[in-house]
């Protein structure tokens, strides 16, 4: 991923928090001689040796799954808040741009057996069920319902490289930076609000 130095994020703790909070990814590999992408939730785990693993699954009927192999390199793309930035918000002539946060994770696949797949499902479901009023537990599902687990291919991605970009108008002076935040906060769009919040975090003197 092309990342100008000014927008490169190398804060590993921040990147891991982002991946935990934005776990719905696009998983990309070579399938039938062309690039193939599947939208799927992935969860992050950090081992005691500080190595990073992503866990997840896709449908076995997905052509991508048919071509998955142990050791195959894949790319997972995670997107955060993003929005258009109008040059009309500046005190000088300039061009339109886009503010956004994104992380590209490269790694190698390890395919899981059935017991490992169930364990992976439990981790994924628990992540999203923990804040529910009446959390569902995979361990309590009937045998009939759990038969559906035969229809998935679960995997781990042993992460080899992470590239992270956070483009939040870092190249603007305080006056124009503040103007951008003000216009975003007035819009009412969720992404605009989230980008404004992120910009405030990055420049706390405003």
N, C-alpha and C. Protein backbone atom coordinates (compact mmCIF):
# COMPACT_ATOMS: atom_id res chain seq x y z
N UNK A 1 0.86 -1.18 0.00
CA UNK A 1 0.00 0.00 0.00
C UNK A 1 0.90 1.23 0.00
N UNK A 2 0.59 2.19 -0.87
CA UNK A 2 1.34 3.44 -0.89
C UNK A 2 0.92 4.29 0.30
N UNK A 3 1.90 4.68 1.13
CA UNK A 3 1.62 5.52 2.29
C UNK A 3 2.68 6.62 2.37
N UNK A 4 2.33 7.88 2.12
CA UNK A 4 3.27 8.96 2.37
C UNK A 4 3.72 8.95 3.83
N UNK A 5 4.98 9.29 4.06
CA UNK A 5 5.54 9.19 5.41
C UNK A 5 4.70 9.93 6.45
N UNK A 6 4.13 11.06 6.08
CA UNK A 6 3.35 11.86 7.03
C UNK A 6 2.13 11.12 7.55
N UNK A 7 1.60 10.20 6.74
CA UNK A 7 0.36 9.51 7.10
C UNK A 7 0.59 8.06 7.55
N UNK A 8 1.84 7.67 7.67
CA UNK A 8 2.15 6.29 8.06
C UNK A 8 1.94 6.13 9.56
N UNK A 9 1.22 5.10 9.95
CA UNK A 9 0.99 4.81 11.37
C UNK A 9 1.82 3.59 11.76
N UNK A 10 2.76 3.78 12.68
CA UNK A 10 3.62 2.68 13.13
C UNK A 10 3.45 2.40 14.62
N UNK A 11 2.38 2.95 15.19
CA UNK A 11 2.07 2.71 16.60
C UNK A 11 1.35 1.36 16.72
N UNK A 12 2.10 0.32 17.13
CA UNK A 12 1.56 -1.04 17.11
C UNK A 12 0.36 -1.21 18.05
N UNK A 13 0.40 -0.56 19.20
CA UNK A 13 -0.72 -0.66 20.13
C UNK A 13 -1.98 -0.05 19.52
N UNK A 14 -1.84 1.07 18.87
CA UNK A 14 -2.97 1.73 18.23
C UNK A 14 -3.50 0.90 17.07
N UNK A 15 -2.60 0.31 16.30
CA UNK A 15 -3.01 -0.53 15.17
C UNK A 15 -3.79 -1.73 15.66
N UNK A 16 -3.32 -2.37 16.72
CA UNK A 16 -4.02 -3.55 17.24
C UNK A 16 -5.39 -3.19 17.79
N UNK A 17 -5.48 -2.03 18.43
CA UNK A 17 -6.79 -1.58 18.92
C UNK A 17 -7.74 -1.34 17.74
N UNK A 18 -7.20 -0.74 16.68
CA UNK A 18 -8.01 -0.51 15.47
C UNK A 18 -8.52 -1.82 14.90
N UNK A 19 -7.66 -2.83 14.80
CA UNK A 19 -8.06 -4.12 14.26
C UNK A 19 -9.12 -4.78 15.13
N UNK A 20 -9.01 -4.62 16.44
CA UNK A 20 -10.02 -5.18 17.34
C UNK A 20 -11.37 -4.49 17.17
N UNK A 21 -11.34 -3.20 16.88
CA UNK A 21 -12.57 -2.42 16.80
C UNK A 21 -13.18 -2.41 15.40
N UNK A 22 -12.39 -2.80 14.41
CA UNK A 22 -12.86 -2.77 13.02
C UNK A 22 -12.56 -4.12 12.37
N UNK A 23 -13.20 -5.16 12.89
CA UNK A 23 -12.83 -6.52 12.55
C UNK A 23 -13.43 -7.09 11.27
N UNK A 24 -14.24 -6.31 10.55
CA UNK A 24 -14.84 -6.82 9.32
C UNK A 24 -13.91 -6.47 8.16
N UNK A 25 -13.31 -7.49 7.56
CA UNK A 25 -12.22 -7.29 6.60
C UNK A 25 -12.58 -7.79 5.20
N UNK A 26 -11.77 -7.41 4.23
CA UNK A 26 -11.80 -8.00 2.90
C UNK A 26 -10.57 -8.90 2.80
N UNK A 27 -10.80 -10.20 2.63
CA UNK A 27 -9.72 -11.18 2.56
C UNK A 27 -9.45 -11.51 1.11
N UNK A 28 -8.20 -11.31 0.67
CA UNK A 28 -7.85 -11.40 -0.74
C UNK A 28 -6.77 -12.46 -0.97
N UNK A 29 -6.98 -13.27 -2.02
CA UNK A 29 -5.94 -14.21 -2.46
C UNK A 29 -6.06 -14.40 -3.97
N UNK A 30 -5.23 -15.26 -4.51
CA UNK A 30 -5.34 -15.65 -5.91
C UNK A 30 -6.23 -16.88 -6.01
N UNK A 31 -7.32 -16.76 -6.77
CA UNK A 31 -8.25 -17.86 -6.95
C UNK A 31 -8.56 -18.02 -8.43
N UNK A 32 -8.32 -19.21 -8.95
CA UNK A 32 -8.55 -19.46 -10.37
C UNK A 32 -7.82 -18.45 -11.25
N UNK A 33 -6.61 -18.09 -10.83
CA UNK A 33 -5.78 -17.21 -11.65
C UNK A 33 -6.14 -15.74 -11.60
N UNK A 34 -7.05 -15.36 -10.69
CA UNK A 34 -7.37 -13.94 -10.57
C UNK A 34 -7.53 -13.59 -9.10
N UNK A 35 -7.47 -12.30 -8.80
CA UNK A 35 -7.64 -11.85 -7.42
C UNK A 35 -9.08 -12.07 -6.99
N UNK A 36 -9.25 -12.53 -5.75
CA UNK A 36 -10.58 -12.84 -5.22
C UNK A 36 -10.69 -12.25 -3.83
N UNK A 37 -11.80 -11.61 -3.54
CA UNK A 37 -11.99 -11.01 -2.23
C UNK A 37 -13.27 -11.49 -1.57
N UNK A 38 -13.20 -11.76 -0.27
CA UNK A 38 -14.37 -12.15 0.52
C UNK A 38 -14.47 -11.23 1.73
N UNK A 39 -15.66 -10.71 1.96
CA UNK A 39 -15.91 -9.87 3.13
C UNK A 39 -16.23 -10.79 4.31
N UNK A 40 -15.45 -10.68 5.36
CA UNK A 40 -15.63 -11.62 6.47
C UNK A 40 -15.07 -11.04 7.77
N UNK A 41 -15.65 -11.39 8.94
CA UNK A 41 -15.08 -10.93 10.21
C UNK A 41 -13.84 -11.74 10.57
N UNK A 42 -12.84 -11.04 11.07
CA UNK A 42 -11.61 -11.67 11.55
C UNK A 42 -11.33 -11.14 12.95
N UNK A 43 -10.70 -11.98 13.77
CA UNK A 43 -10.36 -11.52 15.13
C UNK A 43 -8.85 -11.64 15.34
N UNK A 44 -8.34 -10.75 16.15
CA UNK A 44 -6.90 -10.62 16.38
C UNK A 44 -6.50 -11.32 17.67
N UNK A 45 -5.37 -12.04 17.61
CA UNK A 45 -4.77 -12.62 18.81
C UNK A 45 -3.27 -12.31 18.80
N UNK A 46 -2.74 -11.98 19.98
CA UNK A 46 -1.31 -11.71 20.12
C UNK A 46 -0.73 -12.76 21.05
N UNK A 47 0.25 -13.51 20.57
CA UNK A 47 0.86 -14.60 21.34
C UNK A 47 1.85 -14.04 22.37
N UNK A 48 2.28 -14.91 23.27
CA UNK A 48 3.22 -14.50 24.32
C UNK A 48 4.54 -14.00 23.76
N UNK A 49 4.91 -14.48 22.56
CA UNK A 49 6.14 -14.00 21.93
C UNK A 49 5.91 -12.76 21.08
N UNK A 50 4.72 -12.16 21.22
CA UNK A 50 4.33 -10.93 20.53
C UNK A 50 4.03 -11.13 19.04
N UNK A 51 4.00 -12.37 18.58
CA UNK A 51 3.58 -12.62 17.20
C UNK A 51 2.06 -12.43 17.10
N UNK A 52 1.62 -12.08 15.90
CA UNK A 52 0.21 -11.71 15.70
C UNK A 52 -0.46 -12.72 14.77
N UNK A 53 -1.68 -13.12 15.13
CA UNK A 53 -2.46 -14.06 14.34
C UNK A 53 -3.87 -13.51 14.16
N UNK A 54 -4.42 -13.66 12.96
CA UNK A 54 -5.83 -13.37 12.71
C UNK A 54 -6.57 -14.70 12.55
N UNK A 55 -7.74 -14.79 13.14
CA UNK A 55 -8.57 -15.99 13.01
C UNK A 55 -9.87 -15.66 12.31
N UNK A 56 -10.41 -16.67 11.60
CA UNK A 56 -11.69 -16.45 10.94
C UNK A 56 -12.10 -17.66 10.13
N UNK A 57 -13.12 -17.49 9.30
CA UNK A 57 -13.59 -18.58 8.45
C UNK A 57 -14.37 -18.01 7.28
N UNK A 58 -14.52 -18.82 6.24
CA UNK A 58 -15.40 -18.50 5.12
C UNK A 58 -16.15 -19.78 4.74
N UNK A 59 -17.16 -19.65 3.90
CA UNK A 59 -17.95 -20.81 3.49
C UNK A 59 -17.11 -21.75 2.62
N UNK A 60 -17.25 -23.04 2.85
CA UNK A 60 -16.52 -24.02 2.04
C UNK A 60 -16.93 -23.95 0.57
N UNK A 61 -18.16 -23.51 0.30
CA UNK A 61 -18.62 -23.41 -1.09
C UNK A 61 -18.02 -22.22 -1.81
N UNK A 62 -17.41 -21.32 -1.08
CA UNK A 62 -16.76 -20.16 -1.69
C UNK A 62 -15.56 -20.64 -2.51
N UNK A 63 -15.45 -20.29 -3.78
CA UNK A 63 -14.29 -20.73 -4.59
C UNK A 63 -12.95 -20.36 -3.96
N UNK A 64 -12.94 -19.29 -3.18
CA UNK A 64 -11.70 -18.90 -2.50
C UNK A 64 -11.26 -20.00 -1.54
N UNK A 65 -12.22 -20.59 -0.84
CA UNK A 65 -11.90 -21.64 0.13
C UNK A 65 -11.31 -22.86 -0.56
N UNK A 66 -11.83 -23.19 -1.74
CA UNK A 66 -11.34 -24.36 -2.49
C UNK A 66 -9.86 -24.22 -2.81
N UNK A 67 -9.40 -22.98 -2.98
CA UNK A 67 -8.02 -22.75 -3.37
C UNK A 67 -7.12 -22.36 -2.19
N UNK A 68 -7.67 -22.36 -0.98
CA UNK A 68 -6.84 -22.11 0.19
C UNK A 68 -5.88 -23.28 0.42
N UNK A 69 -4.64 -22.97 0.75
CA UNK A 69 -3.65 -23.99 1.07
C UNK A 69 -2.80 -23.51 2.23
N UNK A 70 -2.33 -24.44 3.05
CA UNK A 70 -1.42 -24.08 4.14
C UNK A 70 -0.21 -23.35 3.57
N UNK A 71 0.14 -22.25 4.20
CA UNK A 71 1.31 -21.49 3.79
C UNK A 71 1.06 -20.48 2.70
N UNK A 72 -0.17 -20.47 2.15
CA UNK A 72 -0.49 -19.51 1.10
C UNK A 72 -0.54 -18.10 1.67
N UNK A 73 0.01 -17.13 0.93
CA UNK A 73 -0.03 -15.74 1.39
C UNK A 73 -1.36 -15.11 1.03
N UNK A 74 -1.93 -14.38 1.98
CA UNK A 74 -3.19 -13.67 1.78
C UNK A 74 -3.04 -12.24 2.28
N UNK A 75 -3.98 -11.41 1.88
CA UNK A 75 -4.03 -10.02 2.31
C UNK A 75 -5.40 -9.76 2.91
N UNK A 76 -5.43 -9.18 4.11
CA UNK A 76 -6.68 -8.76 4.74
C UNK A 76 -6.68 -7.23 4.85
N UNK A 77 -7.72 -6.61 4.33
CA UNK A 77 -7.83 -5.15 4.34
C UNK A 77 -8.92 -4.74 5.32
N UNK A 78 -8.55 -3.87 6.26
CA UNK A 78 -9.48 -3.36 7.27
C UNK A 78 -9.66 -1.86 7.05
N UNK A 79 -10.91 -1.42 7.03
CA UNK A 79 -11.20 0.00 6.84
C UNK A 79 -11.83 0.60 8.08
N UNK A 80 -11.47 1.84 8.35
CA UNK A 80 -12.06 2.59 9.45
C UNK A 80 -12.90 3.74 8.92
N UNK A 81 -13.13 4.75 9.75
CA UNK A 81 -13.92 5.90 9.29
C UNK A 81 -13.21 6.62 8.15
N UNK A 82 -14.01 7.18 7.23
CA UNK A 82 -13.43 7.91 6.10
C UNK A 82 -14.46 8.92 5.62
N UNK A 83 -13.98 10.00 5.02
CA UNK A 83 -14.90 11.00 4.51
C UNK A 83 -14.21 11.97 3.56
N UNK A 84 -15.01 12.62 2.76
CA UNK A 84 -14.56 13.64 1.81
C UNK A 84 -14.21 14.93 2.55
N UNK A 85 -13.13 15.57 2.12
CA UNK A 85 -12.72 16.85 2.69
C UNK A 85 -12.77 17.90 1.58
N UNK A 86 -13.64 18.90 1.73
CA UNK A 86 -13.84 19.92 0.71
C UNK A 86 -12.81 21.03 0.82
N UNK A 87 -12.23 21.47 -0.30
CA UNK A 87 -11.29 22.59 -0.25
C UNK A 87 -11.97 23.91 0.10
N UNK A 88 -13.30 23.94 0.04
CA UNK A 88 -14.02 25.17 0.42
C UNK A 88 -13.91 25.45 1.92
N UNK A 89 -13.40 24.48 2.67
CA UNK A 89 -13.25 24.66 4.11
C UNK A 89 -11.94 25.33 4.49
N UNK A 90 -11.05 25.54 3.51
CA UNK A 90 -9.75 26.14 3.79
C UNK A 90 -9.81 27.66 3.61
N UNK A 91 -8.79 28.34 4.10
CA UNK A 91 -8.69 29.78 3.90
C UNK A 91 -7.81 30.12 2.70
N UNK A 92 -7.56 29.12 1.84
CA UNK A 92 -6.74 29.30 0.65
C UNK A 92 -7.19 28.31 -0.42
N UNK A 93 -6.78 28.53 -1.63
CA UNK A 93 -7.14 27.63 -2.72
C UNK A 93 -6.40 26.30 -2.57
N UNK A 94 -7.11 25.22 -2.79
CA UNK A 94 -6.48 23.90 -2.71
C UNK A 94 -7.37 22.90 -3.45
N UNK A 95 -7.05 21.63 -3.34
CA UNK A 95 -7.79 20.59 -4.05
C UNK A 95 -8.58 19.73 -3.06
N UNK A 96 -9.62 19.03 -3.53
CA UNK A 96 -10.36 18.10 -2.66
C UNK A 96 -9.46 16.93 -2.25
N UNK A 97 -9.83 16.30 -1.13
CA UNK A 97 -9.10 15.12 -0.68
C UNK A 97 -10.03 14.24 0.15
N UNK A 98 -9.47 13.20 0.72
CA UNK A 98 -10.26 12.24 1.50
C UNK A 98 -9.46 11.90 2.75
N UNK A 99 -10.10 11.94 3.91
CA UNK A 99 -9.48 11.49 5.16
C UNK A 99 -9.95 10.07 5.45
N UNK A 100 -9.03 9.24 5.94
CA UNK A 100 -9.40 7.83 6.15
C UNK A 100 -8.35 7.13 7.01
N UNK A 101 -8.77 5.98 7.55
CA UNK A 101 -7.87 5.08 8.26
C UNK A 101 -8.03 3.70 7.63
N UNK A 102 -6.91 3.04 7.34
CA UNK A 102 -6.96 1.69 6.78
C UNK A 102 -5.72 0.92 7.21
N UNK A 103 -5.88 -0.39 7.33
CA UNK A 103 -4.76 -1.27 7.68
C UNK A 103 -4.76 -2.46 6.72
N UNK A 104 -3.59 -2.75 6.15
CA UNK A 104 -3.40 -3.94 5.33
C UNK A 104 -2.57 -4.94 6.13
N UNK A 105 -3.08 -6.15 6.24
CA UNK A 105 -2.38 -7.20 6.98
C UNK A 105 -2.04 -8.34 6.02
N UNK A 106 -0.75 -8.65 5.92
CA UNK A 106 -0.28 -9.75 5.09
C UNK A 106 0.09 -10.92 5.99
N UNK A 107 -0.18 -12.12 5.54
CA UNK A 107 0.18 -13.28 6.34
C UNK A 107 0.01 -14.58 5.58
N UNK A 108 0.35 -15.67 6.27
CA UNK A 108 0.27 -17.00 5.65
C UNK A 108 -0.78 -17.85 6.35
N UNK A 109 -1.55 -18.55 5.55
CA UNK A 109 -2.67 -19.34 6.05
C UNK A 109 -2.23 -20.60 6.78
N UNK A 110 -3.00 -20.94 7.80
CA UNK A 110 -2.95 -22.29 8.39
C UNK A 110 -4.39 -22.75 8.51
N UNK A 111 -4.74 -23.81 7.80
CA UNK A 111 -6.11 -24.31 7.83
C UNK A 111 -6.35 -25.12 9.10
N UNK A 112 -7.54 -24.99 9.67
CA UNK A 112 -7.87 -25.61 10.95
C UNK A 112 -8.71 -26.87 10.75
N UNK A 113 -8.52 -27.85 11.65
CA UNK A 113 -9.38 -29.03 11.64
C UNK A 113 -10.70 -28.70 12.33
N UNK A 114 -11.60 -29.69 12.43
CA UNK A 114 -12.95 -29.39 12.94
C UNK A 114 -12.92 -28.87 14.38
N UNK A 115 -12.18 -29.54 15.26
CA UNK A 115 -12.14 -29.10 16.66
C UNK A 115 -11.55 -27.70 16.77
N UNK A 116 -10.50 -27.43 16.01
CA UNK A 116 -9.91 -26.09 16.02
C UNK A 116 -10.89 -25.06 15.45
N UNK A 117 -11.67 -25.49 14.46
CA UNK A 117 -12.65 -24.58 13.85
C UNK A 117 -13.71 -24.17 14.85
N UNK A 118 -14.18 -25.13 15.65
CA UNK A 118 -15.18 -24.82 16.68
C UNK A 118 -14.59 -23.86 17.71
N UNK A 119 -13.35 -24.11 18.11
CA UNK A 119 -12.69 -23.22 19.07
C UNK A 119 -12.57 -21.80 18.50
N UNK A 120 -12.28 -21.71 17.20
CA UNK A 120 -12.19 -20.40 16.54
C UNK A 120 -13.55 -19.71 16.51
N UNK A 121 -14.60 -20.49 16.22
CA UNK A 121 -15.96 -19.94 16.22
C UNK A 121 -16.33 -19.39 17.59
N UNK A 122 -15.96 -20.13 18.62
CA UNK A 122 -16.27 -19.69 19.99
C UNK A 122 -15.61 -18.34 20.27
N UNK A 123 -14.36 -18.19 19.89
CA UNK A 123 -13.66 -16.92 20.12
C UNK A 123 -14.32 -15.77 19.37
N UNK A 124 -14.68 -16.02 18.10
CA UNK A 124 -15.30 -14.98 17.30
C UNK A 124 -16.67 -14.58 17.84
N UNK A 125 -17.49 -15.58 18.14
CA UNK A 125 -18.83 -15.30 18.66
C UNK A 125 -18.76 -14.59 20.01
N UNK A 126 -17.88 -15.05 20.89
CA UNK A 126 -17.76 -14.43 22.21
C UNK A 126 -17.36 -12.96 22.11
N UNK A 127 -16.52 -12.64 21.12
CA UNK A 127 -16.09 -11.25 20.95
C UNK A 127 -17.30 -10.34 20.73
N UNK A 128 -18.24 -10.78 19.91
CA UNK A 128 -19.37 -9.93 19.55
C UNK A 128 -20.60 -10.15 20.42
N UNK A 129 -20.67 -11.27 21.14
CA UNK A 129 -21.81 -11.53 22.00
C UNK A 129 -21.64 -10.96 23.42
N UNK A 130 -20.41 -10.64 23.79
CA UNK A 130 -20.14 -10.29 25.19
C UNK A 130 -20.93 -9.07 25.67
N UNK A 131 -21.33 -8.19 24.76
CA UNK A 131 -22.06 -6.99 25.18
C UNK A 131 -23.57 -7.12 24.96
N UNK A 132 -24.01 -8.30 24.57
CA UNK A 132 -25.45 -8.52 24.39
C UNK A 132 -26.13 -8.74 25.74
N UNK A 133 -27.41 -8.43 25.79
CA UNK A 133 -28.16 -8.60 27.03
C UNK A 133 -28.24 -10.06 27.44
N UNK A 134 -28.46 -10.92 26.46
CA UNK A 134 -28.50 -12.37 26.70
C UNK A 134 -27.54 -13.06 25.73
N UNK A 135 -26.25 -13.07 26.05
CA UNK A 135 -25.25 -13.58 25.10
C UNK A 135 -25.50 -15.03 24.71
N UNK A 136 -25.35 -15.31 23.43
CA UNK A 136 -25.43 -16.67 22.92
C UNK A 136 -24.06 -17.33 23.06
N UNK A 137 -24.05 -18.61 23.43
CA UNK A 137 -22.81 -19.35 23.57
C UNK A 137 -22.81 -20.52 22.60
N UNK A 138 -21.75 -20.62 21.81
CA UNK A 138 -21.63 -21.71 20.85
C UNK A 138 -21.75 -23.06 21.54
N UNK A 139 -21.18 -23.17 22.74
CA UNK A 139 -21.18 -24.44 23.47
C UNK A 139 -22.59 -24.92 23.82
N UNK A 140 -23.57 -24.01 23.80
CA UNK A 140 -24.94 -24.37 24.16
C UNK A 140 -25.82 -24.69 22.94
N UNK A 141 -25.27 -24.58 21.75
CA UNK A 141 -26.05 -24.86 20.54
C UNK A 141 -26.30 -26.37 20.40
N UNK A 142 -27.42 -26.69 19.80
CA UNK A 142 -27.76 -28.11 19.60
C UNK A 142 -26.82 -28.75 18.58
N UNK A 143 -26.77 -30.07 18.62
CA UNK A 143 -25.94 -30.81 17.66
C UNK A 143 -26.40 -30.52 16.23
N UNK A 144 -27.72 -30.40 16.04
CA UNK A 144 -28.27 -30.12 14.71
C UNK A 144 -27.77 -28.78 14.19
N UNK A 145 -27.80 -27.76 15.04
CA UNK A 145 -27.33 -26.44 14.63
C UNK A 145 -25.83 -26.45 14.37
N UNK A 146 -25.10 -27.17 15.20
CA UNK A 146 -23.64 -27.20 15.05
C UNK A 146 -23.21 -27.94 13.79
N UNK A 147 -24.11 -28.71 13.19
CA UNK A 147 -23.77 -29.37 11.93
C UNK A 147 -23.42 -28.33 10.86
N UNK A 148 -23.96 -27.10 11.02
CA UNK A 148 -23.67 -26.05 10.05
C UNK A 148 -22.18 -25.70 10.04
N UNK A 149 -21.49 -25.99 11.14
CA UNK A 149 -20.06 -25.70 11.20
C UNK A 149 -19.28 -26.52 10.18
N UNK A 150 -19.86 -27.63 9.71
CA UNK A 150 -19.20 -28.43 8.68
C UNK A 150 -19.12 -27.67 7.35
N UNK A 151 -19.93 -26.62 7.24
CA UNK A 151 -19.98 -25.88 5.99
C UNK A 151 -19.01 -24.72 5.91
N UNK A 152 -18.15 -24.60 6.92
CA UNK A 152 -17.18 -23.50 6.90
C UNK A 152 -15.76 -24.05 6.83
N UNK A 153 -14.86 -23.20 6.35
CA UNK A 153 -13.44 -23.50 6.39
C UNK A 153 -12.79 -22.45 7.28
N UNK A 154 -12.33 -22.89 8.45
CA UNK A 154 -11.71 -21.97 9.40
C UNK A 154 -10.20 -21.96 9.20
N UNK A 155 -9.60 -20.88 9.59
CA UNK A 155 -8.17 -20.71 9.34
C UNK A 155 -7.57 -19.72 10.34
N UNK A 156 -6.26 -19.75 10.41
CA UNK A 156 -5.49 -18.70 11.07
C UNK A 156 -4.60 -18.06 10.02
N UNK A 157 -4.35 -16.79 10.18
CA UNK A 157 -3.40 -16.08 9.33
C UNK A 157 -2.23 -15.66 10.22
N UNK A 158 -1.08 -16.29 10.00
CA UNK A 158 0.12 -15.91 10.73
C UNK A 158 0.69 -14.65 10.09
N UNK A 159 0.56 -13.55 10.79
CA UNK A 159 0.85 -12.24 10.22
C UNK A 159 2.35 -12.06 9.99
N UNK A 160 2.68 -11.62 8.77
CA UNK A 160 4.08 -11.37 8.40
C UNK A 160 4.38 -9.89 8.24
N UNK A 161 3.35 -9.09 7.95
CA UNK A 161 3.57 -7.66 7.75
C UNK A 161 2.26 -6.91 7.95
N UNK A 162 2.36 -5.73 8.57
CA UNK A 162 1.21 -4.85 8.74
C UNK A 162 1.57 -3.47 8.21
N UNK A 163 0.71 -2.94 7.34
CA UNK A 163 0.88 -1.58 6.82
C UNK A 163 -0.35 -0.77 7.24
N UNK A 164 -0.12 0.36 7.87
CA UNK A 164 -1.24 1.14 8.40
C UNK A 164 -1.13 2.60 7.97
N UNK A 165 -2.25 3.14 7.50
CA UNK A 165 -2.30 4.54 7.11
C UNK A 165 -3.37 5.24 7.93
N UNK A 166 -3.03 6.44 8.39
CA UNK A 166 -4.01 7.28 9.08
C UNK A 166 -3.87 8.69 8.50
N UNK A 167 -4.71 9.01 7.53
CA UNK A 167 -4.66 10.32 6.87
C UNK A 167 -5.75 11.19 7.47
N UNK A 168 -5.35 12.10 8.33
CA UNK A 168 -6.29 12.93 9.06
C UNK A 168 -5.90 14.41 9.00
N UNK A 169 -5.58 14.87 7.80
CA UNK A 169 -5.25 16.29 7.58
C UNK A 169 -4.06 16.75 8.41
N UNK A 170 -3.09 15.84 8.64
CA UNK A 170 -1.91 16.21 9.41
C UNK A 170 -1.11 17.32 8.75
N UNK A 171 -1.30 17.50 7.44
CA UNK A 171 -0.53 18.51 6.70
C UNK A 171 -1.18 19.90 6.73
N UNK A 172 -2.22 20.08 7.53
CA UNK A 172 -2.89 21.38 7.62
C UNK A 172 -2.49 22.12 8.90
N UNK A 173 -2.44 23.46 8.80
CA UNK A 173 -2.13 24.26 9.99
C UNK A 173 -3.32 24.23 10.95
N UNK A 174 -3.12 24.73 12.16
CA UNK A 174 -4.16 24.63 13.19
C UNK A 174 -5.47 25.28 12.78
N UNK A 175 -5.39 26.43 12.10
CA UNK A 175 -6.62 27.14 11.72
C UNK A 175 -7.45 26.31 10.77
N UNK A 176 -6.83 25.79 9.70
CA UNK A 176 -7.57 25.01 8.72
C UNK A 176 -7.97 23.64 9.27
N UNK A 177 -7.11 23.08 10.12
CA UNK A 177 -7.42 21.81 10.77
C UNK A 177 -8.70 21.96 11.60
N UNK A 178 -8.79 23.05 12.35
CA UNK A 178 -9.97 23.30 13.18
C UNK A 178 -11.21 23.54 12.31
N UNK A 179 -11.02 24.23 11.18
CA UNK A 179 -12.16 24.47 10.27
C UNK A 179 -12.71 23.14 9.74
N UNK A 180 -11.81 22.22 9.38
CA UNK A 180 -12.24 20.92 8.87
C UNK A 180 -13.08 20.20 9.92
N UNK A 181 -12.58 20.18 11.16
CA UNK A 181 -13.32 19.52 12.25
C UNK A 181 -14.71 20.13 12.40
N UNK A 182 -14.77 21.47 12.37
CA UNK A 182 -16.05 22.15 12.54
C UNK A 182 -17.06 21.78 11.47
N UNK A 183 -16.63 21.72 10.21
CA UNK A 183 -17.54 21.35 9.13
C UNK A 183 -17.98 19.89 9.23
N UNK A 184 -17.07 19.01 9.63
CA UNK A 184 -17.43 17.60 9.78
C UNK A 184 -18.45 17.42 10.91
N UNK A 185 -18.26 18.13 12.00
CA UNK A 185 -19.16 17.98 13.14
C UNK A 185 -20.57 18.49 12.84
N UNK A 186 -20.70 19.39 11.87
CA UNK A 186 -22.01 19.94 11.52
C UNK A 186 -22.80 19.04 10.56
N UNK A 187 -22.15 18.05 9.97
CA UNK A 187 -22.78 17.30 8.89
C UNK A 187 -23.85 16.31 9.35
N UNK A 188 -23.66 15.72 10.52
CA UNK A 188 -24.61 14.72 10.99
C UNK A 188 -24.33 13.31 10.50
N UNK A 189 -23.40 13.14 9.55
CA UNK A 189 -23.05 11.80 9.06
C UNK A 189 -22.14 11.10 10.07
N UNK A 190 -22.37 9.81 10.29
CA UNK A 190 -21.59 9.07 11.29
C UNK A 190 -20.10 9.09 10.97
N UNK A 191 -19.73 8.80 9.72
CA UNK A 191 -18.32 8.79 9.36
C UNK A 191 -17.69 10.16 9.58
N UNK A 192 -18.42 11.23 9.27
CA UNK A 192 -17.89 12.58 9.48
C UNK A 192 -17.60 12.82 10.96
N UNK A 193 -18.53 12.39 11.82
CA UNK A 193 -18.34 12.57 13.26
C UNK A 193 -17.13 11.77 13.74
N UNK A 194 -16.98 10.54 13.24
CA UNK A 194 -15.87 9.70 13.68
C UNK A 194 -14.53 10.26 13.21
N UNK A 195 -14.49 10.79 11.99
CA UNK A 195 -13.26 11.41 11.51
C UNK A 195 -12.94 12.65 12.33
N UNK A 196 -13.95 13.46 12.64
CA UNK A 196 -13.73 14.64 13.48
C UNK A 196 -13.20 14.25 14.85
N UNK A 197 -13.76 13.20 15.44
CA UNK A 197 -13.29 12.73 16.75
C UNK A 197 -11.84 12.29 16.67
N UNK A 198 -11.50 11.57 15.60
CA UNK A 198 -10.12 11.10 15.43
C UNK A 198 -9.17 12.27 15.26
N UNK A 199 -9.59 13.28 14.52
CA UNK A 199 -8.76 14.47 14.32
C UNK A 199 -8.52 15.19 15.63
N UNK A 200 -9.54 15.28 16.47
CA UNK A 200 -9.36 15.93 17.78
C UNK A 200 -8.36 15.17 18.65
N UNK A 201 -8.39 13.84 18.58
CA UNK A 201 -7.43 13.04 19.34
C UNK A 201 -6.01 13.32 18.90
N UNK A 202 -5.83 13.54 17.60
CA UNK A 202 -4.50 13.69 17.03
C UNK A 202 -3.90 15.07 17.25
N UNK A 203 -4.74 16.06 17.58
CA UNK A 203 -4.22 17.40 17.80
C UNK A 203 -4.97 18.00 18.99
N UNK A 204 -4.52 17.64 20.17
CA UNK A 204 -5.26 17.95 21.41
C UNK A 204 -5.17 19.41 21.82
N UNK A 205 -4.34 20.20 21.13
CA UNK A 205 -4.20 21.61 21.50
C UNK A 205 -5.37 22.46 21.00
N UNK A 206 -6.24 21.88 20.17
CA UNK A 206 -7.36 22.65 19.61
C UNK A 206 -8.57 22.60 20.52
